[in-house]
Protein backbone atom coordinates (compact mmCIF):
# COMPACT_ATOMS: atom_id res chain seq x y z
CA MET A 1 -58.31 59.42 44.65
CA GLN A 2 -59.76 56.02 43.60
CA SER A 3 -62.42 54.28 44.25
CA ASN A 4 -62.15 50.58 46.08
CA ALA A 5 -65.15 49.14 43.95
CA SER A 6 -62.56 47.33 42.34
CA ALA A 7 -60.26 46.28 45.15
CA PRO A 8 -60.63 42.80 45.86
CA LYS A 9 -62.80 41.21 49.07
CA THR A 10 -60.95 39.70 52.17
CA VAL A 11 -62.81 37.38 54.24
CA THR A 12 -64.50 39.66 56.62
CA ASP A 13 -65.84 41.73 53.38
CA THR A 14 -67.76 38.45 52.71
CA ILE A 15 -70.49 37.51 54.04
CA PRO A 16 -70.31 33.46 54.41
CA LYS A 17 -73.25 31.29 52.44
CA GLU A 18 -72.81 29.42 56.17
CA PHE A 19 -74.94 32.46 57.86
CA LEU A 20 -78.04 31.54 57.23
CA TYR A 21 -79.83 34.53 59.07
CA TRP A 22 -81.24 36.03 56.31
CA ASN A 23 -82.72 33.17 54.59
CA GLN A 24 -84.41 31.61 58.31
CA LYS A 25 -85.63 35.21 59.14
CA ASP A 26 -88.76 34.88 57.63
CA SER A 27 -89.07 31.05 57.78
CA ARG A 28 -92.58 29.73 59.23
CA SER A 29 -91.16 28.88 62.34
CA ALA A 30 -88.90 31.98 62.96
CA LYS A 31 -92.22 34.30 62.06
CA ARG A 32 -94.29 31.56 64.81
CA LEU A 33 -91.30 32.02 67.49
CA ARG A 34 -91.14 36.01 66.98
CA ARG A 35 -95.29 35.97 67.59
CA VAL A 36 -95.13 33.90 70.63
CA LEU A 37 -91.87 36.43 72.17
CA ASN A 38 -93.90 39.39 71.44
CA PHE A 39 -96.80 37.31 72.90
CA VAL A 40 -95.31 36.86 76.20
CA PHE A 41 -92.71 39.19 76.55
CA GLY A 42 -93.85 42.43 74.32
CA VAL A 43 -90.52 41.91 72.11
CA ASP A 44 -89.98 41.41 68.50
CA PRO A 45 -86.53 39.57 68.65
CA VAL A 46 -85.29 40.79 65.48
CA LEU A 47 -81.88 42.24 64.70
CA PRO A 48 -80.69 45.27 63.44
CA GLU A 49 -78.95 45.11 59.90
CA ALA A 50 -76.03 46.76 61.05
CA LEU A 51 -75.31 43.95 63.71
CA VAL A 52 -76.66 41.15 61.56
CA LYS A 53 -74.22 42.60 59.28
CA HIS A 54 -71.56 42.84 61.80
CA PHE A 55 -72.20 39.00 62.75
CA ALA A 56 -72.22 37.73 59.60
CA HIS A 57 -68.51 39.77 58.22
CA SER A 58 -67.03 38.62 61.73
CA TYR A 59 -68.24 34.94 61.36
CA TYR A 60 -64.82 33.37 60.40
CA ASP A 61 -63.59 35.51 63.00
CA ALA A 62 -60.95 32.93 65.25
CA ASP A 63 -61.07 33.20 69.06
CA PRO A 64 -56.89 34.28 69.42
CA VAL A 65 -57.30 31.90 73.23
CA ALA A 66 -59.41 29.23 71.62
CA GLU A 67 -56.65 29.29 68.77
CA THR A 68 -53.41 29.14 71.08
CA PHE A 69 -55.22 26.66 72.99
CA VAL A 70 -55.54 24.01 70.21
CA GLU A 71 -52.03 24.64 68.88
CA GLU A 72 -50.62 24.27 72.50
CA VAL A 73 -52.58 21.17 73.53
CA TYR A 74 -54.20 19.08 70.55
CA LYS A 75 -51.54 19.79 67.97
CA SER A 76 -48.55 19.13 70.43
CA GLN A 77 -49.93 15.50 70.52
CA GLY A 78 -49.78 15.15 66.97
CA GLN A 79 -54.05 15.58 66.33
CA THR A 80 -54.95 17.78 63.62
């Protein structure tokens, strides 16, 4: 059995640079918001790492219903 370590990555395997959760998670404003939410509601809104990675990997996934709507409504009228 061969390893997939050298297999090319697909769009769903990569985390796009536009996904800024980890860059913003430790910012001053995010920390302040976390403190306020923890004080007011007693919860820390930090998501589990597995869930964040799932969101990151699905960042470019399209909504098939919305894609069909755009295709039928806008592209049929000549808009791109």
